[in-house]
PDB file of all heavy atoms in Angstrom:
ATOM      1  N   ARG A   1      -8.527 -11.574  -7.031  1.00  0.00           N
ATOM      2  CA  ARG A   1      -8.765 -10.307  -6.344  1.00  0.00           C
ATOM      3  C   ARG A   1     -10.149 -10.334  -5.702  1.00  0.00           C
ATOM      4  O   ARG A   1     -11.045 -11.018  -6.170  1.00  0.00           O
ATOM      5  CB  ARG A   1      -8.676  -9.134  -7.314  1.00  0.00           C
ATOM      6  CG  ARG A   1      -7.259  -8.830  -7.722  1.00  0.00           C
ATOM      7  CD  ARG A   1      -7.152  -7.599  -8.581  1.00  0.00           C
ATOM      8  NE  ARG A   1      -7.943  -7.762  -9.798  1.00  0.00           N
ATOM      9  CZ  ARG A   1      -8.727  -6.810 -10.296  1.00  0.00           C
ATOM     10  NH1 ARG A   1      -8.821  -5.652  -9.719  1.00  0.00           N
ATOM     11  NH2 ARG A   1      -9.416  -7.033 -11.383  1.00  0.00           N
ATOM     12  N   SER A   2     -10.288  -9.560  -4.631  1.00  0.00           N
ATOM     13  CA  SER A   2     -11.559  -9.524  -3.916  1.00  0.00           C
ATOM     14  C   SER A   2     -11.826  -8.093  -3.450  1.00  0.00           C
ATOM     15  O   SER A   2     -11.021  -7.180  -3.663  1.00  0.00           O
ATOM     16  CB  SER A   2     -11.518 -10.465  -2.705  1.00  0.00           C
ATOM     17  OG  SER A   2     -10.622  -9.956  -1.723  1.00  0.00           O
ATOM     18  N   LEU A   3     -12.929  -7.925  -2.786  1.00  0.00           N
ATOM     19  CA  LEU A   3     -13.272  -6.625  -2.216  1.00  0.00           C
ATOM     20  C   LEU A   3     -12.205  -6.166  -1.220  1.00  0.00           C
ATOM     21  O   LEU A   3     -11.951  -4.969  -1.094  1.00  0.00           O
ATOM     22  CB  LEU A   3     -14.651  -6.698  -1.548  1.00  0.00           C
ATOM     23  CG  LEU A   3     -15.247  -5.387  -1.055  1.00  0.00           C
ATOM     24  CD1 LEU A   3     -15.327  -4.355  -2.168  1.00  0.00           C
ATOM     25  CD2 LEU A   3     -16.634  -5.647  -0.482  1.00  0.00           C
ATOM     26  N   ALA A   4     -11.560  -7.102  -0.560  1.00  0.00           N
ATOM     27  CA  ALA A   4     -10.472  -6.743   0.363  1.00  0.00           C
ATOM     28  C   ALA A   4      -9.351  -6.013  -0.372  1.00  0.00           C
ATOM     29  O   ALA A   4      -8.804  -5.022   0.136  1.00  0.00           O
ATOM     30  CB  ALA A   4      -9.933  -7.998   1.050  1.00  0.00           C
ATOM     31  N   ASP A   5      -9.031  -6.463  -1.570  1.00  0.00           N
ATOM     32  CA  ASP A   5      -7.975  -5.812  -2.356  1.00  0.00           C
ATOM     33  C   ASP A   5      -8.390  -4.410  -2.798  1.00  0.00           C
ATOM     34  O   ASP A   5      -7.577  -3.487  -2.786  1.00  0.00           O
ATOM     35  CB  ASP A   5      -7.625  -6.665  -3.579  1.00  0.00           C
ATOM     36  CG  ASP A   5      -7.094  -8.019  -3.175  1.00  0.00           C
ATOM     37  OD1 ASP A   5      -6.043  -8.064  -2.519  1.00  0.00           O
ATOM     38  OD2 ASP A   5      -7.755  -9.021  -3.495  1.00  0.00           O
ATOM     39  N   ILE A   6      -9.639  -4.267  -3.165  1.00  0.00           N
ATOM     40  CA  ILE A   6     -10.139  -2.943  -3.557  1.00  0.00           C
ATOM     41  C   ILE A   6     -10.068  -1.989  -2.366  1.00  0.00           C
ATOM     42  O   ILE A   6      -9.643  -0.842  -2.499  1.00  0.00           O
ATOM     43  CB  ILE A   6     -11.568  -3.049  -4.116  1.00  0.00           C
ATOM     44  CG1 ILE A   6     -11.547  -3.842  -5.426  1.00  0.00           C
ATOM     45  CG2 ILE A   6     -12.184  -1.665  -4.323  1.00  0.00           C
ATOM     46  CD1 ILE A   6     -12.902  -4.268  -5.925  1.00  0.00           C
ATOM     47  N   SER A   7     -10.454  -2.487  -1.190  1.00  0.00           N
ATOM     48  CA  SER A   7     -10.404  -1.658   0.015  1.00  0.00           C
ATOM     49  C   SER A   7      -8.975  -1.229   0.336  1.00  0.00           C
ATOM     50  O   SER A   7      -8.725  -0.069   0.658  1.00  0.00           O
ATOM     51  CB  SER A   7     -10.995  -2.422   1.203  1.00  0.00           C
ATOM     52  OG  SER A   7     -12.341  -2.726   0.976  1.00  0.00           O
ATOM     53  N   TRP A   8      -8.026  -2.168   0.243  1.00  0.00           N
ATOM     54  CA  TRP A   8      -6.645  -1.819   0.522  1.00  0.00           C
ATOM     55  C   TRP A   8      -6.054  -0.918  -0.552  1.00  0.00           C
ATOM     56  O   TRP A   8      -5.187  -0.088  -0.249  1.00  0.00           O
ATOM     57  CB  TRP A   8      -5.792  -3.072   0.736  1.00  0.00           C
ATOM     58  CG  TRP A   8      -5.814  -3.445   2.180  1.00  0.00           C
ATOM     59  CD1 TRP A   8      -6.578  -4.410   2.767  1.00  0.00           C
ATOM     60  CD2 TRP A   8      -5.081  -2.809   3.222  1.00  0.00           C
ATOM     61  NE1 TRP A   8      -6.364  -4.405   4.118  1.00  0.00           N
ATOM     62  CE2 TRP A   8      -5.447  -3.441   4.428  1.00  0.00           C
ATOM     63  CE3 TRP A   8      -4.158  -1.777   3.270  1.00  0.00           C
ATOM     64  CZ2 TRP A   8      -4.914  -3.064   5.652  1.00  0.00           C
ATOM     65  CZ3 TRP A   8      -3.629  -1.401   4.500  1.00  0.00           C
ATOM     66  CH2 TRP A   8      -4.002  -2.036   5.673  1.00  0.00           C
ATOM     67  N   ALA A   9      -6.508  -1.045  -1.782  1.00  0.00           N
ATOM     68  CA  ALA A   9      -6.020  -0.143  -2.833  1.00  0.00           C
ATOM     69  C   ALA A   9      -6.345   1.301  -2.480  1.00  0.00           C
ATOM     70  O   ALA A   9      -5.511   2.198  -2.668  1.00  0.00           O
ATOM     71  CB  ALA A   9      -6.618  -0.517  -4.178  1.00  0.00           C
ATOM     72  N   VAL A  10      -7.533   1.528  -1.956  1.00  0.00           N
ATOM     73  CA  VAL A  10      -7.933   2.887  -1.559  1.00  0.00           C
ATOM     74  C   VAL A  10      -7.050   3.383  -0.422  1.00  0.00           C
ATOM     75  O   VAL A  10      -6.560   4.523  -0.441  1.00  0.00           O
ATOM     76  CB  VAL A  10      -9.422   2.912  -1.156  1.00  0.00           C
ATOM     77  CG1 VAL A  10      -9.798   4.260  -0.572  1.00  0.00           C
ATOM     78  CG2 VAL A  10     -10.308   2.562  -2.341  1.00  0.00           C
ATOM     79  N   ILE A  11      -6.825   2.541   0.578  1.00  0.00           N
ATOM     80  CA  ILE A  11      -5.990   2.934   1.716  1.00  0.00           C
ATOM     81  C   ILE A  11      -4.571   3.254   1.258  1.00  0.00           C
ATOM     82  O   ILE A  11      -3.999   4.295   1.618  1.00  0.00           O
ATOM     83  CB  ILE A  11      -5.982   1.817   2.778  1.00  0.00           C
ATOM     84  CG1 ILE A  11      -7.372   1.687   3.410  1.00  0.00           C
ATOM     85  CG2 ILE A  11      -4.909   2.080   3.847  1.00  0.00           C
ATOM     86  CD1 ILE A  11      -7.572   0.423   4.218  1.00  0.00           C
ATOM     87  N   LEU A  12      -3.998   2.368   0.447  1.00  0.00           N
ATOM     88  CA  LEU A  12      -2.632   2.592  -0.017  1.00  0.00           C
ATOM     89  C   LEU A  12      -2.531   3.818  -0.914  1.00  0.00           C
ATOM     90  O   LEU A  12      -1.542   4.561  -0.859  1.00  0.00           O
ATOM     91  CB  LEU A  12      -2.115   1.340  -0.723  1.00  0.00           C
ATOM     92  CG  LEU A  12      -1.935   0.120   0.184  1.00  0.00           C
ATOM     93  CD1 LEU A  12      -1.622  -1.112  -0.650  1.00  0.00           C
ATOM     94  CD2 LEU A  12      -0.865   0.368   1.227  1.00  0.00           C
ATOM     95  N   GLU A  13      -3.551   4.046  -1.719  1.00  0.00           N
ATOM     96  CA  GLU A  13      -3.563   5.241  -2.565  1.00  0.00           C
ATOM     97  C   GLU A  13      -3.559   6.503  -1.714  1.00  0.00           C
ATOM     98  O   GLU A  13      -2.856   7.472  -2.005  1.00  0.00           O
ATOM     99  CB  GLU A  13      -4.765   5.219  -3.507  1.00  0.00           C
ATOM    100  CG  GLU A  13      -4.887   6.436  -4.388  1.00  0.00           C
ATOM    101  CD  GLU A  13      -3.717   6.642  -5.331  1.00  0.00           C
ATOM    102  OE1 GLU A  13      -3.069   5.670  -5.746  1.00  0.00           O
ATOM    103  OE2 GLU A  13      -3.450   7.818  -5.667  1.00  0.00           O
ATOM    104  N   ARG A  14      -4.337   6.514  -0.661  1.00  0.00           N
ATOM    105  CA  ARG A  14      -4.369   7.697   0.221  1.00  0.00           C
ATOM    106  C   ARG A  14      -3.024   7.900   0.909  1.00  0.00           C
ATOM    107  O   ARG A  14      -2.563   9.024   1.074  1.00  0.00           O
ATOM    108  CB  ARG A  14      -5.481   7.577   1.268  1.00  0.00           C
ATOM    109  CG  ARG A  14      -6.871   7.595   0.688  1.00  0.00           C
ATOM    110  CD  ARG A  14      -7.141   8.873  -0.124  1.00  0.00           C
ATOM    111  NE  ARG A  14      -8.389   8.772  -0.849  1.00  0.00           N
ATOM    112  CZ  ARG A  14      -8.500   8.567  -2.156  1.00  0.00           C
ATOM    113  NH1 ARG A  14      -7.424   8.467  -2.908  1.00  0.00           N
ATOM    114  NH2 ARG A  14      -9.669   8.493  -2.733  1.00  0.00           N
ATOM    115  N   LEU A  15      -2.398   6.813   1.316  1.00  0.00           N
ATOM    116  CA  LEU A  15      -1.071   6.922   1.928  1.00  0.00           C
ATOM    117  C   LEU A  15      -0.054   7.435   0.915  1.00  0.00           C
ATOM    118  O   LEU A  15       0.838   8.211   1.258  1.00  0.00           O
ATOM    119  CB  LEU A  15      -0.646   5.577   2.513  1.00  0.00           C
ATOM    120  CG  LEU A  15      -1.444   5.131   3.730  1.00  0.00           C
ATOM    121  CD1 LEU A  15      -1.134   3.685   4.072  1.00  0.00           C
ATOM    122  CD2 LEU A  15      -1.187   6.041   4.915  1.00  0.00           C
ATOM    123  N   ARG A  16      -0.194   7.009  -0.343  1.00  0.00           N
ATOM    124  CA  ARG A  16       0.693   7.526  -1.403  1.00  0.00           C
ATOM    125  C   ARG A  16       0.498   9.030  -1.559  1.00  0.00           C
ATOM    126  O   ARG A  16       1.462   9.787  -1.635  1.00  0.00           O
ATOM    127  CB  ARG A  16       0.416   6.813  -2.730  1.00  0.00           C
ATOM    128  CG  ARG A  16       1.384   7.245  -3.852  1.00  0.00           C
ATOM    129  CD  ARG A  16       0.877   6.823  -5.219  1.00  0.00           C
ATOM    130  NE  ARG A  16      -0.350   7.492  -5.586  1.00  0.00           N
ATOM    131  CZ  ARG A  16      -0.447   8.781  -5.993  1.00  0.00           C
ATOM    132  NH1 ARG A  16       0.630   9.531  -6.066  1.00  0.00           N
ATOM    133  NH2 ARG A  16      -1.613   9.307  -6.322  1.00  0.00           N
ATOM    134  N   GLU A  17      -0.772   9.444  -1.585  1.00  0.00           N
ATOM    135  CA  GLU A  17      -1.066  10.871  -1.737  1.00  0.00           C
ATOM    136  C   GLU A  17      -0.518  11.700  -0.574  1.00  0.00           C
ATOM    137  O   GLU A  17      -0.184  12.867  -0.743  1.00  0.00           O
ATOM    138  CB  GLU A  17      -2.569  11.093  -1.851  1.00  0.00           C
ATOM    139  CG  GLU A  17      -3.149  10.619  -3.159  1.00  0.00           C
ATOM    140  CD  GLU A  17      -4.664  10.732  -3.218  1.00  0.00           C
ATOM    141  OE1 GLU A  17      -5.297  10.996  -2.173  1.00  0.00           O
ATOM    142  OE2 GLU A  17      -5.212  10.543  -4.314  1.00  0.00           O
ATOM    143  N   ALA A  18      -0.442  11.093   0.594  1.00  0.00           N
ATOM    144  CA  ALA A  18       0.055  11.799   1.779  1.00  0.00           C
ATOM    145  C   ALA A  18       1.579  11.704   1.918  1.00  0.00           C
ATOM    146  O   ALA A  18       2.142  12.145   2.920  1.00  0.00           O
ATOM    147  CB  ALA A  18      -0.602  11.226   3.034  1.00  0.00           C
ATOM    148  N   ASP A  19       2.235  11.129   0.894  1.00  0.00           N
ATOM    149  CA  ASP A  19       3.697  10.961   0.900  1.00  0.00           C
ATOM    150  C   ASP A  19       4.192  10.107   2.062  1.00  0.00           C
ATOM    151  O   ASP A  19       5.226  10.390   2.658  1.00  0.00           O
ATOM    152  CB  ASP A  19       4.400  12.321   0.900  1.00  0.00           C
ATOM    153  CG  ASP A  19       4.226  13.064  -0.397  1.00  0.00           C
ATOM    154  OD1 ASP A  19       4.130  12.409  -1.446  1.00  0.00           O
ATOM    155  OD2 ASP A  19       4.170  14.308  -0.367  1.00  0.00           O
ATOM    156  N   TRP A  20       3.458   9.040   2.362  1.00  0.00           N
ATOM    157  CA  TRP A  20       3.855   8.120   3.424  1.00  0.00           C
ATOM    158  C   TRP A  20       4.499   6.858   2.888  1.00  0.00           C
ATOM    159  O   TRP A  20       4.813   5.944   3.644  1.00  0.00           O
ATOM    160  CB  TRP A  20       2.636   7.762   4.270  1.00  0.00           C
ATOM    161  CG  TRP A  20       2.421   8.721   5.390  1.00  0.00           C
ATOM    162  CD1 TRP A  20       2.141  10.042   5.290  1.00  0.00           C
ATOM    163  CD2 TRP A  20       2.479   8.436   6.779  1.00  0.00           C
ATOM    164  NE1 TRP A  20       2.003  10.601   6.528  1.00  0.00           N
ATOM    165  CE2 TRP A  20       2.209   9.630   7.458  1.00  0.00           C
ATOM    166  CE3 TRP A  20       2.721   7.285   7.507  1.00  0.00           C
ATOM    167  CZ2 TRP A  20       2.188   9.709   8.841  1.00  0.00           C
ATOM    168  CZ3 TRP A  20       2.689   7.363   8.884  1.00  0.00           C
ATOM    169  CH2 TRP A  20       2.434   8.563   9.538  1.00  0.00           C
ATOM    170  N   PHE A  21       4.697   6.763   1.586  1.00  0.00           N
ATOM    171  CA  PHE A  21       5.227   5.523   1.041  1.00  0.00           C
ATOM    172  C   PHE A  21       6.625   5.202   1.537  1.00  0.00           C
ATOM    173  O   PHE A  21       6.965   4.045   1.710  1.00  0.00           O
ATOM    174  CB  PHE A  21       5.183   5.553  -0.480  1.00  0.00           C
ATOM    175  CG  PHE A  21       3.969   4.879  -1.032  1.00  0.00           C
ATOM    176  CD1 PHE A  21       2.806   4.765  -0.299  1.00  0.00           C
ATOM    177  CD2 PHE A  21       3.994   4.348  -2.291  1.00  0.00           C
ATOM    178  CE1 PHE A  21       1.690   4.141  -0.808  1.00  0.00           C
ATOM    179  CE2 PHE A  21       2.872   3.725  -2.823  1.00  0.00           C
ATOM    180  CZ  PHE A  21       1.729   3.616  -2.075  1.00  0.00           C
ATOM    181  N   GLU A  22       7.442   6.189   1.755  1.00  0.00           N
ATOM    182  CA  GLU A  22       8.783   5.908   2.268  1.00  0.00           C
ATOM    183  C   GLU A  22       8.720   5.308   3.662  1.00  0.00           C
ATOM    184  O   GLU A  22       9.642   4.645   4.107  1.00  0.00           O
ATOM    185  CB  GLU A  22       9.667   7.158   2.254  1.00  0.00           C
ATOM    186  CG  GLU A  22       9.255   8.230   3.254  1.00  0.00           C
ATOM    187  CD  GLU A  22       8.144   9.142   2.750  1.00  0.00           C
ATOM    188  OE1 GLU A  22       7.700   9.004   1.604  1.00  0.00           O
ATOM    189  OE2 GLU A  22       7.720  10.013   3.535  1.00  0.00           O
ATOM    190  N   VAL A  23       7.616   5.491   4.350  1.00  0.00           N
ATOM    191  CA  VAL A  23       7.421   4.929   5.683  1.00  0.00           C
ATOM    192  C   VAL A  23       6.890   3.498   5.597  1.00  0.00           C
ATOM    193  O   VAL A  23       7.296   2.633   6.370  1.00  0.00           O
ATOM    194  CB  VAL A  23       6.438   5.797   6.503  1.00  0.00           C
ATOM    195  CG1 VAL A  23       6.090   5.157   7.828  1.00  0.00           C
ATOM    196  CG2 VAL A  23       6.999   7.196   6.697  1.00  0.00           C
ATOM    197  N   ILE A  24       5.982   3.227   4.652  1.00  0.00           N
ATOM    198  CA  ILE A  24       5.294   1.936   4.654  1.00  0.00           C
ATOM    199  C   ILE A  24       5.806   0.936   3.633  1.00  0.00           C
ATOM    200  O   ILE A  24       5.741  -0.257   3.860  1.00  0.00           O
ATOM    201  CB  ILE A  24       3.775   2.119   4.457  1.00  0.00           C
ATOM    202  CG1 ILE A  24       3.469   2.763   3.108  1.00  0.00           C
ATOM    203  CG2 ILE A  24       3.175   2.887   5.597  1.00  0.00           C
ATOM    204  CD1 ILE A  24       2.025   2.717   2.728  1.00  0.00           C
ATOM    205  N   LEU A  25       6.308   1.414   2.502  1.00  0.00           N
ATOM    206  CA  LEU A  25       6.771   0.501   1.460  1.00  0.00           C
ATOM    207  C   LEU A  25       8.292   0.532   1.401  1.00  0.00           C
ATOM    208  O   LEU A  25       8.890   1.336   0.721  1.00  0.00           O
ATOM    209  CB  LEU A  25       6.175   0.876   0.100  1.00  0.00           C
ATOM    210  CG  LEU A  25       4.674   0.699  -0.032  1.00  0.00           C
ATOM    211  CD1 LEU A  25       4.211   1.092  -1.422  1.00  0.00           C
ATOM    212  CD2 LEU A  25       4.262  -0.732   0.264  1.00  0.00           C
ATOM    213  N   ASP A  26       8.885  -0.358   2.149  1.00  0.00           N
ATOM    214  CA  ASP A  26      10.336  -0.434   2.178  1.00  0.00           C
ATOM    215  C   ASP A  26      10.755  -1.897   2.278  1.00  0.00           C
ATOM    216  O   ASP A  26       9.927  -2.794   2.131  1.00  0.00           O
ATOM    217  CB  ASP A  26      10.907   0.417   3.316  1.00  0.00           C
ATOM    218  CG  ASP A  26      10.444  -0.025   4.702  1.00  0.00           C
ATOM    219  OD1 ASP A  26       9.970  -1.174   4.849  1.00  0.00           O
ATOM    220  OD2 ASP A  26      10.546   0.763   5.645  1.00  0.00           O
ATOM    221  N   GLN A  27      12.015  -2.140   2.542  1.00  0.00           N
ATOM    222  CA  GLN A  27      12.546  -3.501   2.559  1.00  0.00           C
ATOM    223  C   GLN A  27      11.914  -4.369   3.637  1.00  0.00           C
ATOM    224  O   GLN A  27      11.975  -5.598   3.551  1.00  0.00           O
ATOM    225  CB  GLN A  27      14.075  -3.479   2.706  1.00  0.00           C
ATOM    226  CG  GLN A  27      14.586  -3.016   4.045  1.00  0.00           C
ATOM    227  CD  GLN A  27      14.661  -1.504   4.201  1.00  0.00           C
ATOM    228  OE1 GLN A  27      14.278  -0.764   3.300  1.00  0.00           O
ATOM    229  NE2 GLN A  27      15.132  -1.043   5.335  1.00  0.00           N
ATOM    230  N   ARG A  28      11.257  -3.787   4.619  1.00  0.00           N
ATOM    231  CA  ARG A  28      10.593  -4.586   5.649  1.00  0.00           C
ATOM    232  C   ARG A  28       9.339  -5.269   5.122  1.00  0.00           C
ATOM    233  O   ARG A  28       8.853  -6.229   5.716  1.00  0.00           O
ATOM    234  CB  ARG A  28      10.179  -3.729   6.855  1.00  0.00           C
ATOM    235  CG  ARG A  28      11.325  -3.128   7.623  1.00  0.00           C
ATOM    236  CD  ARG A  28      10.817  -2.159   8.671  1.00  0.00           C
ATOM    237  NE  ARG A  28      10.083  -1.082   8.010  1.00  0.00           N
ATOM    238  CZ  ARG A  28       9.036  -0.454   8.543  1.00  0.00           C
ATOM    239  NH1 ARG A  28       8.585  -0.782   9.718  1.00  0.00           N
ATOM    240  NH2 ARG A  28       8.445   0.522   7.889  1.00  0.00           N
ATOM    241  N   ARG A  29       8.786  -4.765   4.028  1.00  0.00           N
ATOM    242  CA  ARG A  29       7.524  -5.275   3.499  1.00  0.00           C
ATOM    243  C   ARG A  29       7.612  -5.551   1.990  1.00  0.00           C
ATOM    244  O   ARG A  29       6.909  -4.936   1.200  1.00  0.00           O
ATOM    245  CB  ARG A  29       6.412  -4.267   3.793  1.00  0.00           C
ATOM    246  CG  ARG A  29       6.187  -4.063   5.281  1.00  0.00           C
ATOM    247  CD  ARG A  29       4.948  -3.226   5.548  1.00  0.00           C
ATOM    248  NE  ARG A  29       4.813  -3.003   6.963  1.00  0.00           N
ATOM    249  CZ  ARG A  29       5.194  -1.874   7.577  1.00  0.00           C
ATOM    250  NH1 ARG A  29       5.682  -0.873   6.891  1.00  0.00           N
ATOM    251  NH2 ARG A  29       5.047  -1.764   8.875  1.00  0.00           N
ATOM    252  N   PRO A  30       8.446  -6.511   1.590  1.00  0.00           N
ATOM    253  CA  PRO A  30       8.590  -6.786   0.152  1.00  0.00           C
ATOM    254  C   PRO A  30       7.309  -7.314  -0.486  1.00  0.00           C
ATOM    255  O   PRO A  30       7.027  -6.999  -1.650  1.00  0.00           O
ATOM    256  CB  PRO A  30       9.722  -7.806   0.085  1.00  0.00           C
ATOM    257  CG  PRO A  30       9.752  -8.444   1.440  1.00  0.00           C
ATOM    258  CD  PRO A  30       9.312  -7.370   2.403  1.00  0.00           C
ATOM    259  N   ALA A  31       6.543  -8.116   0.229  1.00  0.00           N
ATOM    260  CA  ALA A  31       5.296  -8.642  -0.349  1.00  0.00           C
ATOM    261  C   ALA A  31       4.294  -7.509  -0.571  1.00  0.00           C
ATOM    262  O   ALA A  31       3.583  -7.497  -1.576  1.00  0.00           O
ATOM    263  CB  ALA A  31       4.695  -9.722   0.548  1.00  0.00           C
ATOM    264  N   LEU A  32       4.241  -6.561   0.330  1.00  0.00           N
ATOM    265  CA  LEU A  32       3.339  -5.414   0.175  1.00  0.00           C
ATOM    266  C   LEU A  32       3.795  -4.538  -0.991  1.00  0.00           C
ATOM    267  O   LEU A  32       2.960  -4.049  -1.761  1.00  0.00           O
ATOM    268  CB  LEU A  32       3.258  -4.614   1.467  1.00  0.00           C
ATOM    269  CG  LEU A  32       2.241  -3.480   1.517  1.00  0.00           C
ATOM    270  CD1 LEU A  32       0.831  -3.989   1.252  1.00  0.00           C
ATOM    271  CD2 LEU A  32       2.296  -2.774   2.861  1.00  0.00           C
ATOM    272  N   CYS A  33       5.092  -4.368  -1.151  1.00  0.00           N
ATOM    273  CA  CYS A  33       5.610  -3.601  -2.293  1.00  0.00           C
ATOM    274  C   CYS A  33       5.199  -4.266  -3.613  1.00  0.00           C
ATOM    275  O   CYS A  33       4.747  -3.593  -4.539  1.00  0.00           O
ATOM    276  CB  CYS A  33       7.126  -3.484  -2.226  1.00  0.00           C
ATOM    277  SG  CYS A  33       7.736  -2.419  -0.901  1.00  0.00           S
ATOM    278  N   ALA A  34       5.357  -5.585  -3.699  1.00  0.00           N
ATOM    279  CA  ALA A  34       4.988  -6.315  -4.920  1.00  0.00           C
ATOM    280  C   ALA A  34       3.479  -6.250  -5.133  1.00  0.00           C
ATOM    281  O   ALA A  34       3.009  -6.104  -6.273  1.00  0.00           O
ATOM    282  CB  ALA A  34       5.454  -7.760  -4.820  1.00  0.00           C
ATOM    283  N   TYR A  35       2.727  -6.317  -4.062  1.00  0.00           N
ATOM    284  CA  TYR A  35       1.259  -6.221  -4.122  1.00  0.00           C
ATOM    285  C   TYR A  35       0.837  -4.859  -4.677  1.00  0.00           C
ATOM    286  O   TYR A  35      -0.035  -4.770  -5.542  1.00  0.00           O
ATOM    287  CB  TYR A  35       0.706  -6.440  -2.717  1.00  0.00           C
ATOM    288  CG  TYR A  35      -0.767  -6.223  -2.546  1.00  0.00           C
ATOM    289  CD1 TYR A  35      -1.681  -7.175  -2.967  1.00  0.00           C
ATOM    290  CD2 TYR A  35      -1.246  -5.080  -1.907  1.00  0.00           C
ATOM    291  CE1 TYR A  35      -3.040  -6.998  -2.774  1.00  0.00           C
ATOM    292  CE2 TYR A  35      -2.602  -4.901  -1.709  1.00  0.00           C
ATOM    293  CZ  TYR A  35      -3.491  -5.856  -2.140  1.00  0.00           C
ATOM    294  OH  TYR A  35      -4.837  -5.683  -1.952  1.00  0.00           O
TER     295      TYR A  35
END
């Protein structure tokens, strides 16, 4: 893990809070879902 992962964790957390996960985490992005 690196600072890049910490930065993306914050971004993804904010998207989760905004209820955007159904838009970004789907079958088109399996590696991102696992991440």
